[in-house]
Amino acid sequence: MRALDAAGLARDTALEAVHIGLSGYDDDFDGAVPVFATARVRLQHDAPIALAAAVHARPAVVVIAGTGSVAYGEDADGTSVRVGGWGFLFGDEGSAFAVARDALAHAMAETDRGVASPLGEAALAFFDRRDLRELATAALLGRIPRGELASFARVVHDAARLGDPDASAIVLEAASGLASLAAVTLARLHLSERTVPVAFAGGAFLNEAFLARTRERLSVLAPNALPVTPGYDPAVGAALLAFADAELPVPNRIVER
């Protein structure tokens, strides 16, 4: 509906196709499936949407990192592979949540050893808690939402930039985790020996220092990979795939960019 509003179209406008990318989607929609005035509606994971927006040519890979993380790649013959994206309980390496979680876990381990931790003090100030036990209980009981926990990653990145060795180690591990997602995706597609574009998308990569560090790690884990800047926002990727679903030509202003 917001897309129709942004385009200045009535909400009952008939559409040729609607293509929707949903984070974590795996063939089943939890709830009532949205209804649109169109005969063609396709729902899928948001990773193919992001790749369609990021890189026009194939083969190509996209690594997405925000609150969670996932990598997705496609070969020229249509073969596709998704790596990661297991959610915060089982994966999401390199994501904002993982950075925040690892920093808090480190601070809690330091507390157990009776050692004062700069990251721990920063966490208490950030979440406005008296001690880390209170913070842990609040998180486990859901009183601190997952998104709010993930937002602490900004503090960890700032601490790393200012030279905190523990924060720097956590950020490096996060960068390595994301680069590894790309490297595994390339290997699964048997593309490790080829020069393949790898795009990095998502809020985590708005931090230019973190993006640079992830690219550095990728150059070690997959030396032939070619880091690229995404061409478009994922919403444009959904539009591109909708054009394909409707078998309509893509506007030149998109193709030529």
C-alpha atoms as a PDB file:
ATOM      1  CA  MET A   1       0.000   0.000   0.000  1.00  0.00           C
ATOM      2  CA  ARG A   2       2.824   2.392   0.816  1.00  0.00           C
ATOM      3  CA  ALA A   3       4.312   1.792  -2.639  1.00  0.00           C
ATOM      4  CA  LEU A   4       1.022   2.767  -4.268  1.00  0.00           C
ATOM      5  CA  ASP A   5       0.828   5.858  -2.076  1.00  0.00           C
ATOM      6  CA  ALA A   6       4.387   6.829  -2.982  1.00  0.00           C
ATOM      7  CA  ALA A   7       3.576   6.429  -6.672  1.00  0.00           C
ATOM      8  CA  GLY A   8       0.475   8.586  -6.316  1.00  0.00           C
ATOM      9  CA  LEU A   9      -1.817   5.711  -7.299  1.00  0.00           C
ATOM     10  CA  ALA A  10      -5.136   4.685  -5.804  1.00  0.00           C
ATOM     11  CA  ARG A  11      -4.962   1.707  -3.471  1.00  0.00           C
ATOM     12  CA  ASP A  12      -7.295  -0.320  -5.693  1.00  0.00           C
ATOM     13  CA  THR A  13      -5.088   0.175  -8.763  1.00  0.00           C
ATOM     14  CA  ALA A  14      -4.823  -3.023 -10.804  1.00  0.00           C
ATOM     15  CA  LEU A  15      -1.218  -4.267 -11.011  1.00  0.00           C
ATOM     16  CA  GLU A  16       0.440  -6.622 -13.453  1.00  0.00           C
ATOM     17  CA  ALA A  17       2.490  -8.338 -10.745  1.00  0.00           C
ATOM     18  CA  VAL A  18       3.518  -7.995  -7.107  1.00  0.00           C
ATOM     19  CA  HIS A  19       6.807  -9.442  -5.859  1.00  0.00           C
ATOM     20  CA  ILE A  20       7.441  -9.419  -2.101  1.00  0.00           C
ATOM     21  CA  GLY A  21      10.646 -10.229  -0.222  1.00  0.00           C
ATOM     22  CA  LEU A  22      10.261 -11.127   3.449  1.00  0.00           C
ATOM     23  CA  SER A  23      13.055 -11.596   5.960  1.00  0.00           C
ATOM     24  CA  GLY A  24      13.208 -15.222   7.074  1.00  0.00           C
ATOM     25  CA  TYR A  25      10.455 -16.347   4.686  1.00  0.00           C
ATOM     26  CA  ASP A  26      10.556 -20.058   3.775  1.00  0.00           C
ATOM     27  CA  ASP A  27       7.501 -20.913   1.667  1.00  0.00           C
ATOM     28  CA  ASP A  28       5.014 -20.507   4.519  1.00  0.00           C
ATOM     29  CA  PHE A  29       3.379 -17.216   5.477  1.00  0.00           C
ATOM     30  CA  ASP A  30       2.622 -16.792   9.180  1.00  0.00           C
ATOM     31  CA  GLY A  31      -0.809 -15.159   9.115  1.00  0.00           C
ATOM     32  CA  ALA A  32      -3.188 -13.965   6.429  1.00  0.00           C
ATOM     33  CA  VAL A  33      -1.525 -13.665   3.035  1.00  0.00           C
ATOM     34  CA  PRO A  34      -1.817 -10.095   1.702  1.00  0.00           C
ATOM     35  CA  VAL A  35      -4.365  -9.635  -1.073  1.00  0.00           C
ATOM     36  CA  PHE A  36      -3.541  -7.419  -4.062  1.00  0.00           C
ATOM     37  CA  ALA A  37      -5.421  -6.407  -7.197  1.00  0.00           C
ATOM     38  CA  THR A  38      -3.270  -8.594  -9.425  1.00  0.00           C
ATOM     39  CA  ALA A  39      -3.193 -12.115 -10.799  1.00  0.00           C
ATOM     40  CA  ARG A  40       0.527 -12.543 -10.082  1.00  0.00           C
ATOM     41  CA  VAL A  41       1.735 -12.420  -6.476  1.00  0.00           C
ATOM     42  CA  ARG A  42       5.032 -13.976  -5.457  1.00  0.00           C
ATOM     43  CA  LEU A  43       6.396 -14.126  -1.922  1.00  0.00           C
ATOM     44  CA  GLN A  44       9.956 -15.202  -1.226  1.00  0.00           C
ATOM     45  CA  HIS A  45      12.917 -14.649   1.079  1.00  0.00           C
ATOM     46  CA  ASP A  46      14.338 -11.133   0.916  1.00  0.00           C
ATOM     47  CA  ALA A  47      17.827 -12.308  -0.109  1.00  0.00           C
ATOM     48  CA  PRO A  48      16.989 -12.814  -3.825  1.00  0.00           C
ATOM     49  CA  ILE A  49      15.357  -9.376  -3.771  1.00  0.00           C
ATOM     50  CA  ALA A  50      18.539  -7.840  -2.408  1.00  0.00           C
ATOM     51  CA  LEU A  51      20.684  -9.591  -5.030  1.00  0.00           C
ATOM     52  CA  ALA A  52      18.389  -8.484  -7.851  1.00  0.00           C
ATOM     53  CA  ALA A  53      18.854  -4.902  -6.665  1.00  0.00           C
ATOM     54  CA  ALA A  54      22.563  -5.141  -5.960  1.00  0.00           C
ATOM     55  CA  VAL A  55      24.046  -6.711  -9.094  1.00  0.00           C
ATOM     56  CA  HIS A  56      22.593  -7.039 -12.585  1.00  0.00           C
ATOM     57  CA  ALA A  57      24.991  -9.669 -13.980  1.00  0.00           C
ATOM     58  CA  ARG A  58      25.233 -13.314 -12.967  1.00  0.00           C
ATOM     59  CA  PRO A  59      26.973 -15.036 -11.266  1.00  0.00           C
ATOM     60  CA  ALA A  60      26.870 -12.792  -8.201  1.00  0.00           C
ATOM     61  CA  VAL A  61      26.579 -12.922  -4.419  1.00  0.00           C
ATOM     62  CA  VAL A  62      25.040 -10.592  -1.858  1.00  0.00           C
ATOM     63  CA  VAL A  63      25.759 -10.533   1.871  1.00  0.00           C
ATOM     64  CA  ILE A  64      23.052  -8.886   3.972  1.00  0.00           C
ATOM     65  CA  ALA A  65      23.762  -7.753   7.513  1.00  0.00           C
ATOM     66  CA  GLY A  66      21.417  -5.778   9.720  1.00  0.00           C
ATOM     67  CA  THR A  67      19.820  -7.099  12.873  1.00  0.00           C
ATOM     68  CA  GLY A  68      20.436 -10.537  11.315  1.00  0.00           C
ATOM     69  CA  SER A  69      22.648 -11.819   8.503  1.00  0.00           C
ATOM     70  CA  VAL A  70      22.500 -14.047   5.421  1.00  0.00           C
ATOM     71  CA  ALA A  71      24.325 -14.567   2.118  1.00  0.00           C
ATOM     72  CA  TYR A  72      22.765 -15.513  -1.197  1.00  0.00           C
ATOM     73  CA  GLY A  73      24.245 -16.255  -4.588  1.00  0.00           C
ATOM     74  CA  GLU A  74      23.109 -17.151  -8.085  1.00  0.00           C
ATOM     75  CA  ASP A  75      25.044 -18.671 -10.983  1.00  0.00           C
ATOM     76  CA  ALA A  76      24.395 -17.830 -14.615  1.00  0.00           C
ATOM     77  CA  ASP A  77      22.437 -21.071 -15.090  1.00  0.00           C
ATOM     78  CA  GLY A  78      19.938 -20.162 -12.368  1.00  0.00           C
ATOM     79  CA  THR A  79      21.484 -22.273  -9.605  1.00  0.00           C
ATOM     80  CA  SER A  80      21.077 -20.504  -6.257  1.00  0.00           C
ATOM     81  CA  VAL A  81      22.453 -20.984  -2.747  1.00  0.00           C
ATOM     82  CA  ARG A  82      21.506 -19.369   0.553  1.00  0.00           C
ATOM     83  CA  VAL A  83      24.025 -19.512   3.415  1.00  0.00           C
ATOM     84  CA  GLY A  84      23.355 -18.422   6.981  1.00  0.00           C
ATOM     85  CA  GLY A  85      20.125 -16.711   7.911  1.00  0.00           C
ATOM     86  CA  TRP A  86      19.464 -19.185  10.717  1.00  0.00           C
ATOM     87  CA  GLY A  87      18.195 -16.520  13.090  1.00  0.00           C
ATOM     88  CA  PHE A  88      19.594 -15.051  16.285  1.00  0.00           C
ATOM     89  CA  LEU A  89      19.385 -18.322  18.251  1.00  0.00           C
ATOM     90  CA  PHE A  90      21.444 -20.359  15.816  1.00  0.00           C
ATOM     91  CA  GLY A  91      23.473 -17.961  13.678  1.00  0.00           C
ATOM     92  CA  ASP A  92      23.242 -14.413  12.326  1.00  0.00           C
ATOM     93  CA  GLU A  93      27.020 -14.128  12.550  1.00  0.00           C
ATOM     94  CA  GLY A  94      28.374 -10.654  11.985  1.00  0.00           C
ATOM     95  CA  SER A  95      24.970  -9.046  12.467  1.00  0.00           C
ATOM     96  CA  ALA A  96      24.264  -6.156  14.782  1.00  0.00           C
ATOM     97  CA  PHE A  97      22.612  -8.555  17.201  1.00  0.00           C
ATOM     98  CA  ALA A  98      25.646 -10.857  17.162  1.00  0.00           C
ATOM     99  CA  VAL A  99      28.037  -7.956  17.807  1.00  0.00           C
ATOM    100  CA  ALA A 100      25.915  -6.742  20.722  1.00  0.00           C
ATOM    101  CA  ARG A 101      25.428 -10.256  22.108  1.00  0.00           C
ATOM    102  CA  ASP A 102      29.153 -11.053  21.953  1.00  0.00           C
ATOM    103  CA  ALA A 103      30.055  -7.769  23.618  1.00  0.00           C
ATOM    104  CA  LEU A 104      27.572  -8.340  26.426  1.00  0.00           C
ATOM    105  CA  ALA A 105      28.707 -11.950  26.850  1.00  0.00           C
ATOM    106  CA  HIS A 106      32.309 -10.765  27.090  1.00  0.00           C
ATOM    107  CA  ALA A 107      31.390  -8.162  29.698  1.00  0.00           C
ATOM    108  CA  MET A 108      29.496 -10.764  31.726  1.00  0.00           C
ATOM    109  CA  ALA A 109      32.422 -13.185  31.594  1.00  0.00           C
ATOM    110  CA  GLU A 110      34.724 -10.406  32.824  1.00  0.00           C
ATOM    111  CA  THR A 111      32.305  -9.757  35.691  1.00  0.00           C
ATOM    112  CA  ASP A 112      32.550 -13.434  36.663  1.00  0.00           C
ATOM    113  CA  ARG A 113      36.321 -12.992  36.872  1.00  0.00           C
ATOM    114  CA  GLY A 114      35.929  -9.890  39.000  1.00  0.00           C
ATOM    115  CA  VAL A 115      37.362  -7.661  36.271  1.00  0.00           C
ATOM    116  CA  ALA A 116      35.919  -4.280  35.360  1.00  0.00           C
ATOM    117  CA  SER A 117      34.946  -4.105  31.699  1.00  0.00           C
ATOM    118  CA  PRO A 118      34.622  -0.896  29.655  1.00  0.00           C
ATOM    119  CA  LEU A 119      32.058  -2.657  27.457  1.00  0.00           C
ATOM    120  CA  GLY A 120      30.111  -3.642  30.555  1.00  0.00           C
ATOM    121  CA  GLU A 121      30.066  -0.079  31.846  1.00  0.00           C
ATOM    122  CA  ALA A 122      28.983   1.134  28.431  1.00  0.00           C
ATOM    123  CA  ALA A 123      26.178  -1.432  28.372  1.00  0.00           C
ATOM    124  CA  LEU A 124      24.854  -0.369  31.772  1.00  0.00           C
ATOM    125  CA  ALA A 125      24.746   3.242  30.633  1.00  0.00           C
ATOM    126  CA  PHE A 126      23.202   2.364  27.267  1.00  0.00           C
ATOM    127  CA  PHE A 127      20.422   0.171  28.682  1.00  0.00           C
ATOM    128  CA  ASP A 128      20.074   2.158  31.939  1.00  0.00           C
ATOM    129  CA  ARG A 129      20.514  -0.884  34.229  1.00  0.00           C
ATOM    130  CA  ARG A 130      22.123  -1.148  37.644  1.00  0.00           C
ATOM    131  CA  ASP A 131      24.236  -4.213  36.874  1.00  0.00           C
ATOM    132  CA  LEU A 132      24.751  -6.859  34.223  1.00  0.00           C
ATOM    133  CA  ARG A 133      22.663  -9.439  36.096  1.00  0.00           C
ATOM    134  CA  GLU A 134      19.675  -7.145  35.850  1.00  0.00           C
ATOM    135  CA  LEU A 135      20.433  -6.510  32.189  1.00  0.00           C
ATOM    136  CA  ALA A 136      20.690 -10.235  31.410  1.00  0.00           C
ATOM    137  CA  THR A 137      17.409 -10.994  33.180  1.00  0.00           C
ATOM    138  CA  ALA A 138      15.618  -8.201  31.346  1.00  0.00           C
ATOM    139  CA  ALA A 139      16.901  -9.492  28.012  1.00  0.00           C
ATOM    140  CA  LEU A 140      15.990 -13.113  28.722  1.00  0.00           C
ATOM    141  CA  LEU A 141      12.471 -12.154  29.783  1.00  0.00           C
ATOM    142  CA  GLY A 142      11.971 -10.058  26.667  1.00  0.00           C
ATOM    143  CA  ARG A 143      11.836  -6.758  28.518  1.00  0.00           C
ATOM    144  CA  ILE A 144      14.605  -5.559  26.238  1.00  0.00           C
ATOM    145  CA  PRO A 145      13.464  -6.293  22.655  1.00  0.00           C
ATOM    146  CA  ARG A 146      15.881  -7.961  20.261  1.00  0.00           C
ATOM    147  CA  GLY A 147      16.093  -4.844  18.110  1.00  0.00           C
ATOM    148  CA  GLU A 148      17.043  -2.748  21.119  1.00  0.00           C
ATOM    149  CA  LEU A 149      19.740  -5.247  22.071  1.00  0.00           C
ATOM    150  CA  ALA A 150      21.079  -5.118  18.525  1.00  0.00           C
ATOM    151  CA  SER A 151      21.297  -1.330  18.659  1.00  0.00           C
ATOM    152  CA  PHE A 152      24.081  -1.676  21.240  1.00  0.00           C
ATOM    153  CA  ALA A 153      26.301  -2.765  18.338  1.00  0.00           C
ATOM    154  CA  ARG A 154      26.797   0.914  17.496  1.00  0.00           C
ATOM    155  CA  VAL A 155      28.466   1.421  20.864  1.00  0.00           C
ATOM    156  CA  VAL A 156      30.712  -1.597  20.271  1.00  0.00           C
ATOM    157  CA  HIS A 157      31.762  -0.279  16.856  1.00  0.00           C
ATOM    158  CA  ASP A 158      32.499   3.131  18.390  1.00  0.00           C
ATOM    159  CA  ALA A 159      34.592   1.511  21.112  1.00  0.00           C
ATOM    160  CA  ALA A 160      36.537  -0.439  18.490  1.00  0.00           C
ATOM    161  CA  ARG A 161      37.162   2.751  16.522  1.00  0.00           C
ATOM    162  CA  LEU A 162      38.520   4.385  19.686  1.00  0.00           C
ATOM    163  CA  GLY A 163      40.927   1.516  20.262  1.00  0.00           C
ATOM    164  CA  ASP A 164      39.233  -0.747  22.808  1.00  0.00           C
ATOM    165  CA  PRO A 165      40.960  -4.106  22.172  1.00  0.00           C
ATOM    166  CA  ASP A 166      37.996  -6.245  23.246  1.00  0.00           C
ATOM    167  CA  ALA A 167      35.583  -4.324  21.030  1.00  0.00           C
ATOM    168  CA  SER A 168      38.078  -4.475  18.157  1.00  0.00           C
ATOM    169  CA  ALA A 169      38.311  -8.263  18.475  1.00  0.00           C
ATOM    170  CA  ILE A 170      34.516  -8.598  18.445  1.00  0.00           C
ATOM    171  CA  VAL A 171      34.164  -6.390  15.383  1.00  0.00           C
ATOM    172  CA  LEU A 172      36.919  -8.288  13.554  1.00  0.00           C
ATOM    173  CA  GLU A 173      35.170 -11.557  14.338  1.00  0.00           C
ATOM    174  CA  ALA A 174      31.928 -10.126  12.976  1.00  0.00           C
ATOM    175  CA  ALA A 175      33.640  -9.024   9.762  1.00  0.00           C
ATOM    176  CA  SER A 176      35.227 -12.460   9.409  1.00  0.00           C
ATOM    177  CA  GLY A 177      31.847 -14.130   9.915  1.00  0.00           C
ATOM    178  CA  LEU A 178      30.226 -12.117   7.144  1.00  0.00           C
ATOM    179  CA  ALA A 179      33.148 -12.631   4.772  1.00  0.00           C
ATOM    180  CA  SER A 180      32.924 -16.339   5.507  1.00  0.00           C
ATOM    181  CA  LEU A 181      29.250 -16.367   4.490  1.00  0.00           C
ATOM    182  CA  ALA A 182      30.280 -14.980   1.102  1.00  0.00           C
ATOM    183  CA  ALA A 183      33.197 -17.385   0.751  1.00  0.00           C
ATOM    184  CA  VAL A 184      31.037 -20.413   1.557  1.00  0.00           C
ATOM    185  CA  THR A 185      28.384 -19.247  -0.908  1.00  0.00           C
ATOM    186  CA  LEU A 186      31.006 -18.959  -3.654  1.00  0.00           C
ATOM    187  CA  ALA A 187      32.368 -22.403  -2.807  1.00  0.00           C
ATOM    188  CA  ARG A 188      28.885 -23.962  -2.837  1.00  0.00           C
ATOM    189  CA  LEU A 189      28.331 -22.521  -6.308  1.00  0.00           C
ATOM    190  CA  HIS A 190      31.800 -23.724  -7.430  1.00  0.00           C
ATOM    191  CA  LEU A 191      32.790 -20.133  -8.143  1.00  0.00           C
ATOM    192  CA  SER A 192      35.765 -19.698  -5.816  1.00  0.00           C
ATOM    193  CA  GLU A 193      38.219 -19.620  -8.697  1.00  0.00           C
ATOM    194  CA  ARG A 194      36.272 -17.041 -10.723  1.00  0.00           C
ATOM    195  CA  THR A 195      36.016 -13.264 -10.418  1.00  0.00           C
ATOM    196  CA  VAL A 196      32.503 -12.900  -9.057  1.00  0.00           C
ATOM    197  CA  PRO A 197      30.868  -9.686  -7.779  1.00  0.00           C
ATOM    198  CA  VAL A 198      30.031  -9.748  -4.066  1.00  0.00           C
ATOM    199  CA  ALA A 199      27.769  -6.968  -2.807  1.00  0.00           C
ATOM    200  CA  PHE A 200      27.333  -6.007   0.838  1.00  0.00           C
ATOM    201  CA  ALA A 201      23.870  -4.737   1.774  1.00  0.00           C
ATOM    202  CA  GLY A 202      22.062  -3.844   4.984  1.00  0.00           C
ATOM    203  CA  GLY A 203      22.368  -1.431   7.848  1.00  0.00           C
ATOM    204  CA  ALA A 204      25.534  -2.941   9.297  1.00  0.00           C
ATOM    205  CA  PHE A 205      27.485  -1.825   6.243  1.00  0.00           C
ATOM    206  CA  LEU A 206      26.515   1.819   6.626  1.00  0.00           C
ATOM    207  CA  ASN A 207      29.521   1.803   8.947  1.00  0.00           C
ATOM    208  CA  GLU A 208      32.267   2.386   6.372  1.00  0.00           C
ATOM    209  CA  ALA A 209      35.045   1.114   8.635  1.00  0.00           C
ATOM    210  CA  PHE A 210      33.167  -2.142   9.187  1.00  0.00           C
ATOM    211  CA  LEU A 211      32.480  -2.482   5.462  1.00  0.00           C
ATOM    212  CA  ALA A 212      36.181  -1.982   4.743  1.00  0.00           C
ATOM    213  CA  ARG A 213      37.140  -4.558   7.349  1.00  0.00           C
ATOM    214  CA  THR A 214      34.675  -7.097   5.935  1.00  0.00           C
ATOM    215  CA  ARG A 215      36.049  -6.544   2.446  1.00  0.00           C
ATOM    216  CA  GLU A 216      39.571  -7.078   3.782  1.00  0.00           C
ATOM    217  CA  ARG A 217      38.555 -10.379   5.326  1.00  0.00           C
ATOM    218  CA  LEU A 218      36.849 -11.407   2.095  1.00  0.00           C
ATOM    219  CA  SER A 219      40.091 -10.781   0.189  1.00  0.00           C
ATOM    220  CA  VAL A 220      41.748 -13.352   2.455  1.00  0.00           C
ATOM    221  CA  LEU A 221      38.970 -15.967   2.444  1.00  0.00           C
ATOM    222  CA  ALA A 222      37.999 -15.578  -1.226  1.00  0.00           C
ATOM    223  CA  PRO A 223      40.824 -13.798  -3.087  1.00  0.00           C
ATOM    224  CA  ASN A 224      39.024 -13.872  -6.450  1.00  0.00           C
ATOM    225  CA  ALA A 225      35.845 -12.240  -5.153  1.00  0.00           C
ATOM    226  CA  LEU A 226      35.147  -8.727  -6.422  1.00  0.00           C
ATOM    227  CA  PRO A 227      33.523  -6.487  -3.778  1.00  0.00           C
ATOM    228  CA  VAL A 228      30.972  -4.118  -5.341  1.00  0.00           C
ATOM    229  CA  THR A 229      28.578  -1.453  -4.126  1.00  0.00           C
ATOM    230  CA  PRO A 230      24.897  -2.418  -4.519  1.00  0.00           C
ATOM    231  CA  GLY A 231      23.309  -0.675  -7.483  1.00  0.00           C
ATOM    232  CA  TYR A 232      19.915  -0.175  -5.883  1.00  0.00           C
ATOM    233  CA  ASP A 233      17.906  -0.481  -2.708  1.00  0.00           C
ATOM    234  CA  PRO A 234      16.238  -3.922  -2.274  1.00  0.00           C
ATOM    235  CA  ALA A 235      12.816  -2.378  -2.988  1.00  0.00           C
ATOM    236  CA  VAL A 236      13.995  -1.792  -6.556  1.00  0.00           C
ATOM    237  CA  GLY A 237      15.054  -5.427  -6.678  1.00  0.00           C
ATOM    238  CA  ALA A 238      11.482  -6.438  -5.876  1.00  0.00           C
ATOM    239  CA  ALA A 239      10.259  -4.208  -8.698  1.00  0.00           C
ATOM    240  CA  LEU A 240      12.760  -5.728 -11.135  1.00  0.00           C
ATOM    241  CA  LEU A 241      11.577  -9.220 -10.263  1.00  0.00           C
ATOM    242  CA  ALA A 242       7.952  -8.106 -10.595  1.00  0.00           C
ATOM    243  CA  PHE A 243       8.716  -6.911 -14.128  1.00  0.00           C
ATOM    244  CA  ALA A 244      10.141 -10.368 -14.870  1.00  0.00           C
ATOM    245  CA  ASP A 245       7.111 -12.096 -13.319  1.00  0.00           C
ATOM    246  CA  ALA A 246       4.817 -10.010 -15.543  1.00  0.00           C
ATOM    247  CA  GLU A 247       7.088 -10.558 -18.581  1.00  0.00           C
ATOM    248  CA  LEU A 248       7.384  -6.811 -19.063  1.00  0.00           C
ATOM    249  CA  PRO A 249      10.494  -4.876 -20.189  1.00  0.00           C
ATOM    250  CA  VAL A 250      12.407  -3.083 -17.461  1.00  0.00           C
ATOM    251  CA  PRO A 251      12.521   0.725 -17.835  1.00  0.00           C
ATOM    252  CA  ASN A 252      15.773   1.898 -19.444  1.00  0.00           C
ATOM    253  CA  ARG A 253      16.574   4.238 -16.566  1.00  0.00           C
ATOM    254  CA  ILE A 254      17.036   1.137 -14.387  1.00  0.00           C
ATOM    255  CA  VAL A 255      18.765  -1.093 -16.932  1.00  0.00           C
ATOM    256  CA  GLU A 256      21.330   1.549 -17.893  1.00  0.00           C
ATOM    257  CA  ARG A 257      22.421   2.437 -14.394  1.00  0.00           C
END
